[in-house]
Amino acid sequence: MNSAELEQFRQLIHQRLGDLATQSAAGQEAQSIVELDQQAVGRLSRMDALQNQAMAKAQQVRRNTEVHRLQAALVRLEEDEFGYCEDCGEEIAHGRLKLDLAASKCVSCATA
């Protein structure tokens, strides 16, 4: 992989990290504590609010996991290991990297 391609992947990773930060900020309100107000909210509405809160928290966990994976990809970029399988050392297909910027294994090793 040449330096222009590596720089393109670096920019894509930083862009995705920015998108995740924006999504996290937008999702903070949905994760807030659901207030118990029987006069204003019925039982089913409260259950719906609790379910929405749980889904927002689960989405945040997934975002945090992706952030950690992307940060690890940035480290691999700095160490000139980005784009190579961590198991077998073969080059990871560019298509795979474009689909998953944080991919650290080739298709063969990932499916084994």
PDB file of N, CA and C in Angstrom:
ATOM      1  N   MET A   1       0.859  -1.166   0.000  1.00  0.00           N
ATOM      2  CA  MET A   1       0.000   0.000   0.000  1.00  0.00           C
ATOM      3  C   MET A   1       0.910   1.235   0.000  1.00  0.00           C
ATOM      4  N   ASN A   2       0.608   2.179  -0.882  1.00  0.00           N
ATOM      5  CA  ASN A   2       1.471   3.361  -0.959  1.00  0.00           C
ATOM      6  C   ASN A   2       1.042   4.433   0.043  1.00  0.00           C
ATOM      7  N   SER A   3       1.858   5.461   0.162  1.00  0.00           N
ATOM      8  CA  SER A   3       1.616   6.492   1.180  1.00  0.00           C
ATOM      9  C   SER A   3       0.339   7.282   0.918  1.00  0.00           C
ATOM     10  N   ALA A   4      -0.034   7.475  -0.339  1.00  0.00           N
ATOM     11  CA  ALA A   4      -1.275   8.190  -0.653  1.00  0.00           C
ATOM     12  C   ALA A   4      -2.492   7.397  -0.177  1.00  0.00           C
ATOM     13  N   GLU A   5      -2.449   6.082  -0.382  1.00  0.00           N
ATOM     14  CA  GLU A   5      -3.555   5.236   0.083  1.00  0.00           C
ATOM     15  C   GLU A   5      -3.624   5.224   1.608  1.00  0.00           C
ATOM     16  N   LEU A   6      -2.478   5.149   2.254  1.00  0.00           N
ATOM     17  CA  LEU A   6      -2.448   5.178   3.723  1.00  0.00           C
ATOM     18  C   LEU A   6      -3.013   6.496   4.248  1.00  0.00           C
ATOM     19  N   GLU A   7      -2.666   7.593   3.603  1.00  0.00           N
ATOM     20  CA  GLU A   7      -3.179   8.898   4.028  1.00  0.00           C
ATOM     21  C   GLU A   7      -4.681   8.976   3.822  1.00  0.00           C
ATOM     22  N   GLN A   8      -5.163   8.392   2.748  1.00  0.00           N
ATOM     23  CA  GLN A   8      -6.607   8.373   2.500  1.00  0.00           C
ATOM     24  C   GLN A   8      -7.317   7.590   3.607  1.00  0.00           C
ATOM     25  N   PHE A   9      -6.765   6.442   3.993  1.00  0.00           N
ATOM     26  CA  PHE A   9      -7.362   5.662   5.081  1.00  0.00           C
ATOM     27  C   PHE A   9      -7.292   6.432   6.401  1.00  0.00           C
ATOM     28  N   ARG A  10      -6.192   7.143   6.635  1.00  0.00           N
ATOM     29  CA  ARG A  10      -6.062   7.948   7.861  1.00  0.00           C
ATOM     30  C   ARG A  10      -7.172   8.998   7.911  1.00  0.00           C
ATOM     31  N   GLN A  11      -7.413   9.662   6.790  1.00  0.00           N
ATOM     32  CA  GLN A  11      -8.463  10.685   6.742  1.00  0.00           C
ATOM     33  C   GLN A  11      -9.842  10.076   6.946  1.00  0.00           C
ATOM     34  N   LEU A  12     -10.078   8.913   6.335  1.00  0.00           N
ATOM     35  CA  LEU A  12     -11.367   8.237   6.518  1.00  0.00           C
ATOM     36  C   LEU A  12     -11.582   7.841   7.973  1.00  0.00           C
ATOM     37  N   ILE A  13     -10.530   7.381   8.629  1.00  0.00           N
ATOM     38  CA  ILE A  13     -10.639   6.991  10.043  1.00  0.00           C
ATOM     39  C   ILE A  13     -10.946   8.217  10.898  1.00  0.00           C
ATOM     40  N   HIS A  14     -10.243   9.318  10.663  1.00  0.00           N
ATOM     41  CA  HIS A  14     -10.507  10.532  11.440  1.00  0.00           C
ATOM     42  C   HIS A  14     -11.920  11.058  11.177  1.00  0.00           C
ATOM     43  N   GLN A  15     -12.374  10.963   9.942  1.00  0.00           N
ATOM     44  CA  GLN A  15     -13.732  11.392   9.619  1.00  0.00           C
ATOM     45  C   GLN A  15     -14.756  10.539  10.364  1.00  0.00           C
ATOM     46  N   ARG A  16     -14.542   9.227  10.374  1.00  0.00           N
ATOM     47  CA  ARG A  16     -15.467   8.322  11.068  1.00  0.00           C
ATOM     48  C   ARG A  16     -15.450   8.587  12.568  1.00  0.00           C
ATOM     49  N   LEU A  17     -14.274   8.851  13.137  1.00  0.00           N
ATOM     50  CA  LEU A  17     -14.204   9.181  14.564  1.00  0.00           C
ATOM     51  C   LEU A  17     -14.988  10.454  14.867  1.00  0.00           C
ATOM     52  N   GLY A  18     -14.907  11.434  13.973  1.00  0.00           N
ATOM     53  CA  GLY A  18     -15.684  12.664  14.139  1.00  0.00           C
ATOM     54  C   GLY A  18     -17.178  12.397  14.072  1.00  0.00           C
ATOM     55  N   ASP A  19     -17.588  11.554  13.136  1.00  0.00           N
ATOM     56  CA  ASP A  19     -19.004  11.190  13.023  1.00  0.00           C
ATOM     57  C   ASP A  19     -19.495  10.501  14.290  1.00  0.00           C
ATOM     58  N   LEU A  20     -18.674   9.602  14.821  1.00  0.00           N
ATOM     59  CA  LEU A  20     -19.057   8.891  16.052  1.00  0.00           C
ATOM     60  C   LEU A  20     -19.166   9.843  17.232  1.00  0.00           C
ATOM     61  N   ALA A  21     -18.276  10.824  17.304  1.00  0.00           N
ATOM     62  CA  ALA A  21     -18.345  11.819  18.377  1.00  0.00           C
ATOM     63  C   ALA A  21     -19.626  12.632  18.276  1.00  0.00           C
ATOM     64  N   THR A  22     -20.008  12.996  17.062  1.00  0.00           N
ATOM     65  CA  THR A  22     -21.244  13.743  16.848  1.00  0.00           C
ATOM     66  C   THR A  22     -22.451  12.903  17.253  1.00  0.00           C
ATOM     67  N   GLN A  23     -22.456  11.636  16.852  1.00  0.00           N
ATOM     68  CA  GLN A  23     -23.553  10.750  17.213  1.00  0.00           C
ATOM     69  C   GLN A  23     -23.636  10.546  18.724  1.00  0.00           C
ATOM     70  N   SER A  24     -22.498  10.436  19.380  1.00  0.00           N
ATOM     71  CA  SER A  24     -22.481  10.260  20.833  1.00  0.00           C
ATOM     72  C   SER A  24     -23.067  11.474  21.530  1.00  0.00           C
ATOM     73  N   ALA A  25     -22.692  12.649  21.062  1.00  0.00           N
ATOM     74  CA  ALA A  25     -23.218  13.872  21.661  1.00  0.00           C
ATOM     75  C   ALA A  25     -24.730  13.956  21.465  1.00  0.00           C
ATOM     76  N   ALA A  26     -25.205  13.584  20.296  1.00  0.00           N
ATOM     77  CA  ALA A  26     -26.637  13.633  20.013  1.00  0.00           C
ATOM     78  C   ALA A  26     -27.408  12.592  20.834  1.00  0.00           C
ATOM     79  N   GLY A  27     -26.780  11.471  21.150  1.00  0.00           N
ATOM     80  CA  GLY A  27     -27.453  10.404  21.878  1.00  0.00           C
ATOM     81  C   GLY A  27     -27.434  10.542  23.385  1.00  0.00           C
ATOM     82  N   GLN A  28     -26.760  11.559  23.901  1.00  0.00           N
ATOM     83  CA  GLN A  28     -26.663  11.714  25.358  1.00  0.00           C
ATOM     84  C   GLN A  28     -28.033  11.913  26.003  1.00  0.00           C
ATOM     85  N   GLU A  29     -28.886  12.706  25.395  1.00  0.00           N
ATOM     86  CA  GLU A  29     -30.207  12.973  25.987  1.00  0.00           C
ATOM     87  C   GLU A  29     -31.050  11.711  26.050  1.00  0.00           C
ATOM     88  N   ALA A  30     -30.954  10.871  25.039  1.00  0.00           N
ATOM     89  CA  ALA A  30     -31.738   9.640  25.004  1.00  0.00           C
ATOM     90  C   ALA A  30     -31.303   8.659  26.083  1.00  0.00           C
ATOM     91  N   GLN A  31     -30.062   8.815  26.594  1.00  0.00           N
ATOM     92  CA  GLN A  31     -29.553   7.914  27.622  1.00  0.00           C
ATOM     93  C   GLN A  31     -29.860   8.404  29.037  1.00  0.00           C
ATOM     94  N   SER A  32     -30.423   9.594  29.142  1.00  0.00           N
ATOM     95  CA  SER A  32     -30.665  10.170  30.461  1.00  0.00           C
ATOM     96  C   SER A  32     -31.713   9.361  31.233  1.00  0.00           C
ATOM     97  N   ILE A  33     -31.757   9.591  32.505  1.00  0.00           N
ATOM     98  CA  ILE A  33     -32.672   8.871  33.394  1.00  0.00           C
ATOM     99  C   ILE A  33     -34.112   9.188  33.025  1.00  0.00           C
ATOM    100  N   VAL A  34     -34.932   8.157  32.972  1.00  0.00           N
ATOM    101  CA  VAL A  34     -36.355   8.331  32.681  1.00  0.00           C
ATOM    102  C   VAL A  34     -37.048   8.692  33.985  1.00  0.00           C
ATOM    103  N   GLU A  35     -37.676   9.853  33.991  1.00  0.00           N
ATOM    104  CA  GLU A  35     -38.364  10.345  35.187  1.00  0.00           C
ATOM    105  C   GLU A  35     -39.685   9.605  35.382  1.00  0.00           C
ATOM    106  N   LEU A  36     -39.999   9.312  36.620  1.00  0.00           N
ATOM    107  CA  LEU A  36     -41.264   8.670  36.957  1.00  0.00           C
ATOM    108  C   LEU A  36     -42.278   9.754  37.298  1.00  0.00           C
ATOM    109  N   ASP A  37     -43.201   9.968  36.394  1.00  0.00           N
ATOM    110  CA  ASP A  37     -44.258  10.964  36.593  1.00  0.00           C
ATOM    111  C   ASP A  37     -45.554  10.335  36.114  1.00  0.00           C
ATOM    112  N   GLN A  38     -46.259   9.688  37.025  1.00  0.00           N
ATOM    113  CA  GLN A  38     -47.472   8.959  36.672  1.00  0.00           C
ATOM    114  C   GLN A  38     -48.563   9.870  36.127  1.00  0.00           C
ATOM    115  N   GLN A  39     -48.548  11.151  36.482  1.00  0.00           N
ATOM    116  CA  GLN A  39     -49.567  12.066  36.000  1.00  0.00           C
ATOM    117  C   GLN A  39     -49.354  12.411  34.524  1.00  0.00           C
ATOM    118  N   ALA A  40     -48.099  12.539  34.119  1.00  0.00           N
ATOM    119  CA  ALA A  40     -47.807  12.983  32.761  1.00  0.00           C
ATOM    120  C   ALA A  40     -47.563  11.817  31.796  1.00  0.00           C
ATOM    121  N   VAL A  41     -47.050  10.715  32.322  1.00  0.00           N
ATOM    122  CA  VAL A  41     -46.685   9.601  31.453  1.00  0.00           C
ATOM    123  C   VAL A  41     -47.375   8.339  31.942  1.00  0.00           C
ATOM    124  N   GLY A  42     -48.077   7.684  31.036  1.00  0.00           N
ATOM    125  CA  GLY A  42     -48.732   6.433  31.386  1.00  0.00           C
ATOM    126  C   GLY A  42     -47.735   5.302  31.482  1.00  0.00           C
ATOM    127  N   ARG A  43     -48.218   4.157  31.955  1.00  0.00           N
ATOM    128  CA  ARG A  43     -47.348   3.013  32.160  1.00  0.00           C
ATOM    129  C   ARG A  43     -46.711   2.543  30.857  1.00  0.00           C
ATOM    130  N   LEU A  44     -47.482   2.465  29.790  1.00  0.00           N
ATOM    131  CA  LEU A  44     -46.931   2.009  28.507  1.00  0.00           C
ATOM    132  C   LEU A  44     -45.950   3.022  27.928  1.00  0.00           C
ATOM    133  N   SER A  45     -46.249   4.298  28.117  1.00  0.00           N
ATOM    134  CA  SER A  45     -45.325   5.331  27.634  1.00  0.00           C
ATOM    135  C   SER A  45     -44.012   5.260  28.394  1.00  0.00           C
ATOM    136  N   ARG A  46     -44.074   4.991  29.691  1.00  0.00           N
ATOM    137  CA  ARG A  46     -42.857   4.872  30.488  1.00  0.00           C
ATOM    138  C   ARG A  46     -42.058   3.658  30.048  1.00  0.00           C
ATOM    139  N   MET A  47     -42.747   2.537  29.777  1.00  0.00           N
ATOM    140  CA  MET A  47     -42.049   1.345  29.303  1.00  0.00           C
ATOM    141  C   MET A  47     -41.369   1.632  27.962  1.00  0.00           C
ATOM    142  N   ASP A  48     -42.042   2.368  27.104  1.00  0.00           N
ATOM    143  CA  ASP A  48     -41.457   2.740  25.821  1.00  0.00           C
ATOM    144  C   ASP A  48     -40.232   3.628  26.030  1.00  0.00           C
ATOM    145  N   ALA A  49     -40.318   4.565  26.959  1.00  0.00           N
ATOM    146  CA  ALA A  49     -39.185   5.449  27.253  1.00  0.00           C
ATOM    147  C   ALA A  49     -38.008   4.650  27.810  1.00  0.00           C
ATOM    148  N   LEU A  50     -38.282   3.676  28.669  1.00  0.00           N
ATOM    149  CA  LEU A  50     -37.212   2.837  29.224  1.00  0.00           C
ATOM    150  C   LEU A  50     -36.559   1.994  28.127  1.00  0.00           C
ATOM    151  N   GLN A  51     -37.379   1.483  27.203  1.00  0.00           N
ATOM    152  CA  GLN A  51     -36.832   0.705  26.109  1.00  0.00           C
ATOM    153  C   GLN A  51     -35.967   1.588  25.213  1.00  0.00           C
ATOM    154  N   ASN A  52     -36.417   2.798  24.919  1.00  0.00           N
ATOM    155  CA  ASN A  52     -35.624   3.731  24.115  1.00  0.00           C
ATOM    156  C   ASN A  52     -34.312   4.072  24.803  1.00  0.00           C
ATOM    157  N   GLN A  53     -34.357   4.224  26.120  1.00  0.00           N
ATOM    158  CA  GLN A  53     -33.144   4.514  26.880  1.00  0.00           C
ATOM    159  C   GLN A  53     -32.163   3.340  26.782  1.00  0.00           C
ATOM    160  N   ALA A  54     -32.661   2.128  26.924  1.00  0.00           N
ATOM    161  CA  ALA A  54     -31.804   0.944  26.837  1.00  0.00           C
ATOM    162  C   ALA A  54     -31.184   0.824  25.444  1.00  0.00           C
ATOM    163  N   MET A  55     -31.959   1.116  24.418  1.00  0.00           N
ATOM    164  CA  MET A  55     -31.429   1.054  23.058  1.00  0.00           C
ATOM    165  C   MET A  55     -30.360   2.122  22.848  1.00  0.00           C
ATOM    166  N   ALA A  56     -30.575   3.312  23.395  1.00  0.00           N
ATOM    167  CA  ALA A  56     -29.590   4.393  23.264  1.00  0.00           C
ATOM    168  C   ALA A  56     -28.286   4.015  23.965  1.00  0.00           C
ATOM    169  N   LYS A  57     -28.397   3.372  25.122  1.00  0.00           N
ATOM    170  CA  LYS A  57     -27.195   2.939  25.837  1.00  0.00           C
ATOM    171  C   LYS A  57     -26.453   1.854  25.058  1.00  0.00           C
ATOM    172  N   ALA A  58     -27.195   0.937  24.462  1.00  0.00           N
ATOM    173  CA  ALA A  58     -26.571  -0.126  23.665  1.00  0.00           C
ATOM    174  C   ALA A  58     -25.875   0.461  22.431  1.00  0.00           C
ATOM    175  N   GLN A  59     -26.491   1.456  21.818  1.00  0.00           N
ATOM    176  CA  GLN A  59     -25.864   2.118  20.672  1.00  0.00           C
ATOM    177  C   GLN A  59     -24.566   2.801  21.096  1.00  0.00           C
ATOM    178  N   GLN A  60     -24.558   3.392  22.286  1.00  0.00           N
ATOM    179  CA  GLN A  60     -23.349   4.052  22.776  1.00  0.00           C
ATOM    180  C   GLN A  60     -22.233   3.044  23.012  1.00  0.00           C
ATOM    181  N   VAL A  61     -22.580   1.874  23.524  1.00  0.00           N
ATOM    182  CA  VAL A  61     -21.580   0.818  23.726  1.00  0.00           C
ATOM    183  C   VAL A  61     -20.979   0.414  22.381  1.00  0.00           C
ATOM    184  N   ARG A  62     -21.833   0.260  21.357  1.00  0.00           N
ATOM    185  CA  ARG A  62     -21.328  -0.086  20.027  1.00  0.00           C
ATOM    186  C   ARG A  62     -20.440   1.018  19.459  1.00  0.00           C
ATOM    187  N   ARG A  63     -20.829   2.280  19.671  1.00  0.00           N
ATOM    188  CA  ARG A  63     -19.995   3.394  19.207  1.00  0.00           C
ATOM    189  C   ARG A  63     -18.651   3.392  19.915  1.00  0.00           C
ATOM    190  N   ASN A  64     -18.654   3.161  21.225  1.00  0.00           N
ATOM    191  CA  ASN A  64     -17.402   3.126  21.986  1.00  0.00           C
ATOM    192  C   ASN A  64     -16.488   2.005  21.491  1.00  0.00           C
ATOM    193  N   THR A  65     -17.066   0.857  21.187  1.00  0.00           N
ATOM    194  CA  THR A  65     -16.282  -0.261  20.663  1.00  0.00           C
ATOM    195  C   THR A  65     -15.660   0.112  19.323  1.00  0.00           C
ATOM    196  N   GLU A  66     -16.445   0.758  18.466  1.00  0.00           N
ATOM    197  CA  GLU A  66     -15.914   1.163  17.160  1.00  0.00           C
ATOM    198  C   GLU A  66     -14.818   2.212  17.321  1.00  0.00           C
ATOM    199  N   VAL A  67     -14.986   3.133  18.264  1.00  0.00           N
ATOM    200  CA  VAL A  67     -13.949   4.151  18.514  1.00  0.00           C
ATOM    201  C   VAL A  67     -12.641   3.475  18.918  1.00  0.00           C
ATOM    202  N   HIS A  68     -12.711   2.503  19.811  1.00  0.00           N
ATOM    203  CA  HIS A  68     -11.502   1.793  20.249  1.00  0.00           C
ATOM    204  C   HIS A  68     -10.835   1.055  19.084  1.00  0.00           C
ATOM    205  N   ARG A  69     -11.649   0.424  18.240  1.00  0.00           N
ATOM    206  CA  ARG A  69     -11.109  -0.289  17.080  1.00  0.00           C
ATOM    207  C   ARG A  69     -10.445   0.683  16.100  1.00  0.00           C
ATOM    208  N   LEU A  70     -11.066   1.849  15.889  1.00  0.00           N
ATOM    209  CA  LEU A  70     -10.500   2.844  14.977  1.00  0.00           C
ATOM    210  C   LEU A  70      -9.212   3.442  15.538  1.00  0.00           C
ATOM    211  N   GLN A  71      -9.181   3.657  16.851  1.00  0.00           N
ATOM    212  CA  GLN A  71      -7.956   4.165  17.470  1.00  0.00           C
ATOM    213  C   GLN A  71      -6.825   3.148  17.333  1.00  0.00           C
ATOM    214  N   ALA A  72      -7.160   1.861  17.451  1.00  0.00           N
ATOM    215  CA  ALA A  72      -6.150   0.816  17.254  1.00  0.00           C
ATOM    216  C   ALA A  72      -5.669   0.817  15.797  1.00  0.00           C
ATOM    217  N   ALA A  73      -6.574   1.093  14.852  1.00  0.00           N
ATOM    218  CA  ALA A  73      -6.181   1.175  13.446  1.00  0.00           C
ATOM    219  C   ALA A  73      -5.224   2.342  13.226  1.00  0.00           C
ATOM    220  N   LEU A  74      -5.455   3.460  13.909  1.00  0.00           N
ATOM    221  CA  LEU A  74      -4.540   4.607  13.808  1.00  0.00           C
ATOM    222  C   LEU A  74      -3.155   4.239  14.340  1.00  0.00           C
ATOM    223  N   VAL A  75      -3.118   3.473  15.412  1.00  0.00           N
ATOM    224  CA  VAL A  75      -1.829   3.019  15.960  1.00  0.00           C
ATOM    225  C   VAL A  75      -1.128   2.133  14.933  1.00  0.00           C
ATOM    226  N   ARG A  76      -1.885   1.228  14.298  1.00  0.00           N
ATOM    227  CA  ARG A  76      -1.293   0.373  13.271  1.00  0.00           C
ATOM    228  C   ARG A  76      -0.771   1.208  12.099  1.00  0.00           C
ATOM    229  N   LEU A  77      -1.480   2.290  11.773  1.00  0.00           N
ATOM    230  CA  LEU A  77      -1.005   3.194  10.717  1.00  0.00           C
ATOM    231  C   LEU A  77       0.331   3.808  11.088  1.00  0.00           C
ATOM    232  N   GLU A  78       0.453   4.256  12.324  1.00  0.00           N
ATOM    233  CA  GLU A  78       1.691   4.883  12.798  1.00  0.00           C
ATOM    234  C   GLU A  78       2.849   3.890  12.835  1.00  0.00           C
ATOM    235  N   GLU A  79       2.535   2.634  13.082  1.00  0.00           N
ATOM    236  CA  GLU A  79       3.564   1.590  13.187  1.00  0.00           C
ATOM    237  C   GLU A  79       3.786   0.860  11.863  1.00  0.00           C
ATOM    238  N   ASP A  80       3.228   1.385  10.785  1.00  0.00           N
ATOM    239  CA  ASP A  80       3.342   0.778   9.445  1.00  0.00           C
ATOM    240  C   ASP A  80       2.847  -0.663   9.409  1.00  0.00           C
ATOM    241  N   GLU A  81       1.838  -0.965  10.191  1.00  0.00           N
ATOM    242  CA  GLU A  81       1.255  -2.301  10.206  1.00  0.00           C
ATOM    243  C   GLU A  81      -0.168  -2.299   9.674  1.00  0.00           C
ATOM    244  N   PHE A  82      -0.684  -1.128   9.334  1.00  0.00           N
ATOM    245  CA  PHE A  82      -2.057  -1.028   8.842  1.00  0.00           C
ATOM    246  C   PHE A  82      -2.160  -1.714   7.482  1.00  0.00           C
ATOM    247  N   GLY A  83      -3.226  -2.481   7.308  1.00  0.00           N
ATOM    248  CA  GLY A  83      -3.456  -3.146   6.030  1.00  0.00           C
ATOM    249  C   GLY A  83      -2.869  -4.532   5.941  1.00  0.00           C
ATOM    250  N   TYR A  84      -2.246  -4.978   7.034  1.00  0.00           N
ATOM    251  CA  TYR A  84      -1.680  -6.327   7.069  1.00  0.00           C
ATOM    252  C   TYR A  84      -2.366  -7.130   8.172  1.00  0.00           C
ATOM    253  N   CYS A  85      -2.651  -8.381   7.885  1.00  0.00           N
ATOM    254  CA  CYS A  85      -3.338  -9.263   8.827  1.00  0.00           C
ATOM    255  C   CYS A  85      -2.471  -9.471  10.064  1.00  0.00           C
ATOM    256  N   GLU A  86      -3.089  -9.344  11.220  1.00  0.00           N
ATOM    257  CA  GLU A  86      -2.339  -9.532  12.470  1.00  0.00           C
ATOM    258  C   GLU A  86      -2.034 -10.997  12.744  1.00  0.00           C
ATOM    259  N   ASP A  87      -2.715 -11.901  12.058  1.00  0.00           N
ATOM    260  CA  ASP A  87      -2.456 -13.332  12.255  1.00  0.00           C
ATOM    261  C   ASP A  87      -1.421 -13.876  11.267  1.00  0.00           C
ATOM    262  N   CYS A  88      -1.678 -13.696   9.974  1.00  0.00           N
ATOM    263  CA  CYS A  88      -0.808 -14.317   8.968  1.00  0.00           C
ATOM    264  C   CYS A  88       0.164 -13.333   8.317  1.00  0.00           C
ATOM    265  N   GLY A  89      -0.048 -12.045   8.471  1.00  0.00           N
ATOM    266  CA  GLY A  89       0.849 -11.047   7.913  1.00  0.00           C
ATOM    267  C   GLY A  89       0.583 -10.688   6.460  1.00  0.00           C
ATOM    268  N   GLU A  90      -0.389 -11.339   5.834  1.00  0.00           N
ATOM    269  CA  GLU A  90      -0.722 -11.032   4.443  1.00  0.00           C
ATOM    270  C   GLU A  90      -1.464  -9.693   4.368  1.00  0.00           C
ATOM    271  N   GLU A  91      -1.413  -9.090   3.187  1.00  0.00           N
ATOM    272  CA  GLU A  91      -2.099  -7.809   2.998  1.00  0.00           C
ATOM    273  C   GLU A  91      -3.612  -8.021   3.004  1.00  0.00           C
ATOM    274  N   ILE A  92      -4.316  -7.130   3.698  1.00  0.00           N
ATOM    275  CA  ILE A  92      -5.778  -7.172   3.749  1.00  0.00           C
ATOM    276  C   ILE A  92      -6.299  -6.474   2.494  1.00  0.00           C
ATOM    277  N   ALA A  93      -7.297  -7.055   1.852  1.00  0.00           N
ATOM    278  CA  ALA A  93      -7.863  -6.491   0.622  1.00  0.00           C
ATOM    279  C   ALA A  93      -8.382  -5.075   0.872  1.00  0.00           C
ATOM    280  N   HIS A  94      -8.137  -4.189  -0.091  1.00  0.00           N
ATOM    281  CA  HIS A  94      -8.566  -2.794   0.045  1.00  0.00           C
ATOM    282  C   HIS A  94     -10.077  -2.683   0.204  1.00  0.00           C
ATOM    283  N   GLY A  95     -10.806  -3.540  -0.496  1.00  0.00           N
ATOM    284  CA  GLY A  95     -12.263  -3.533  -0.369  1.00  0.00           C
ATOM    285  C   GLY A  95     -12.709  -3.811   1.050  1.00  0.00           C
ATOM    286  N   ARG A  96     -12.030  -4.753   1.687  1.00  0.00           N
ATOM    287  CA  ARG A  96     -12.360  -5.077   3.085  1.00  0.00           C
ATOM    288  C   ARG A  96     -12.067  -3.886   3.985  1.00  0.00           C
ATOM    289  N   LEU A  97     -10.937  -3.236   3.756  1.00  0.00           N
ATOM    290  CA  LEU A  97     -10.572  -2.082   4.580  1.00  0.00           C
ATOM    291  C   LEU A  97     -11.528  -0.910   4.371  1.00  0.00           C
ATOM    292  N   LYS A  98     -12.021  -0.763   3.150  1.00  0.00           N
ATOM    293  CA  LYS A  98     -12.977   0.324   2.902  1.00  0.00           C
ATOM    294  C   LYS A  98     -14.303   0.058   3.591  1.00  0.00           C
ATOM    295  N   LEU A  99     -14.694  -1.215   3.683  1.00  0.00           N
ATOM    296  CA  LEU A  99     -15.931  -1.569   4.385  1.00  0.00           C
ATOM    297  C   LEU A  99     -15.767  -1.477   5.895  1.00  0.00           C
ATOM    298  N   ASP A 100     -14.608  -1.887   6.385  1.00  0.00           N
ATOM    299  CA  ASP A 100     -14.325  -1.868   7.827  1.00  0.00           C
ATOM    300  C   ASP A 100     -12.930  -1.289   8.014  1.00  0.00           C
ATOM    301  N   LEU A 101     -12.872   0.013   8.293  1.00  0.00           N
ATOM    302  CA  LEU A 101     -11.591   0.704   8.418  1.00  0.00           C
ATOM    303  C   LEU A 101     -10.712   0.122   9.519  1.00  0.00           C
ATOM    304  N   ALA A 102     -11.328  -0.542  10.474  1.00  0.00           N
ATOM    305  CA  ALA A 102     -10.578  -1.071  11.605  1.00  0.00           C
ATOM    306  C   ALA A 102     -10.240  -2.548  11.449  1.00  0.00           C
ATOM    307  N   ALA A 103     -10.481  -3.107  10.275  1.00  0.00           N
ATOM    308  CA  ALA A 103     -10.207  -4.541  10.065  1.00  0.00           C
ATOM    309  C   ALA A 103      -8.735  -4.824  10.324  1.00  0.00           C
ATOM    310  N   SER A 104      -8.480  -5.840  11.133  1.00  0.00           N
ATOM    311  CA  SER A 104      -7.096  -6.182  11.458  1.00  0.00           C
ATOM    312  C   SER A 104      -6.727  -7.586  10.986  1.00  0.00           C
ATOM    313  N   LYS A 105      -7.700  -8.255  10.350  1.00  0.00           N
ATOM    314  CA  LYS A 105      -7.451  -9.607   9.852  1.00  0.00           C
ATOM    315  C   LYS A 105      -7.950  -9.731   8.416  1.00  0.00           C
ATOM    316  N   CYS A 106      -7.260 -10.547   7.649  1.00  0.00           N
ATOM    317  CA  CYS A 106      -7.716 -10.825   6.280  1.00  0.00           C
ATOM    318  C   CYS A 106      -8.974 -11.700   6.363  1.00  0.00           C
ATOM    319  N   VAL A 107      -9.637 -11.860   5.244  1.00  0.00           N
ATOM    320  CA  VAL A 107     -10.871 -12.635   5.221  1.00  0.00           C
ATOM    321  C   VAL A 107     -10.620 -14.075   5.662  1.00  0.00           C
ATOM    322  N   SER A 108      -9.529 -14.669   5.207  1.00  0.00           N
ATOM    323  CA  SER A 108      -9.232 -16.068   5.538  1.00  0.00           C
ATOM    324  C   SER A 108      -9.082 -16.262   7.041  1.00  0.00           C
ATOM    325  N   CYS A 109      -8.302 -15.377   7.680  1.00  0.00           N
ATOM    326  CA  CYS A 109      -8.064 -15.513   9.128  1.00  0.00           C
ATOM    327  C   CYS A 109      -9.304 -15.123   9.941  1.00  0.00           C
ATOM    328  N   ALA A 110     -10.072 -14.164   9.436  1.00  0.00           N
ATOM    329  CA  ALA A 110     -11.261 -13.728  10.158  1.00  0.00           C
ATOM    330  C   ALA A 110     -12.338 -14.801  10.156  1.00  0.00           C
ATOM    331  N   THR A 111     -12.387 -15.608   9.103  1.00  0.00           N
ATOM    332  CA  THR A 111     -13.416 -16.647   9.029  1.00  0.00           C
ATOM    333  C   THR A 111     -12.954 -17.972   9.604  1.00  0.00           C
ATOM    334  N   ALA A 112     -11.659 -18.090   9.897  1.00  0.00           N
ATOM    335  CA  ALA A 112     -11.144 -19.353  10.430  1.00  0.00           C
ATOM    336  C   ALA A 112     -11.521 -19.545  11.893  1.00  0.00           C
TER     337      ALA A 112
END
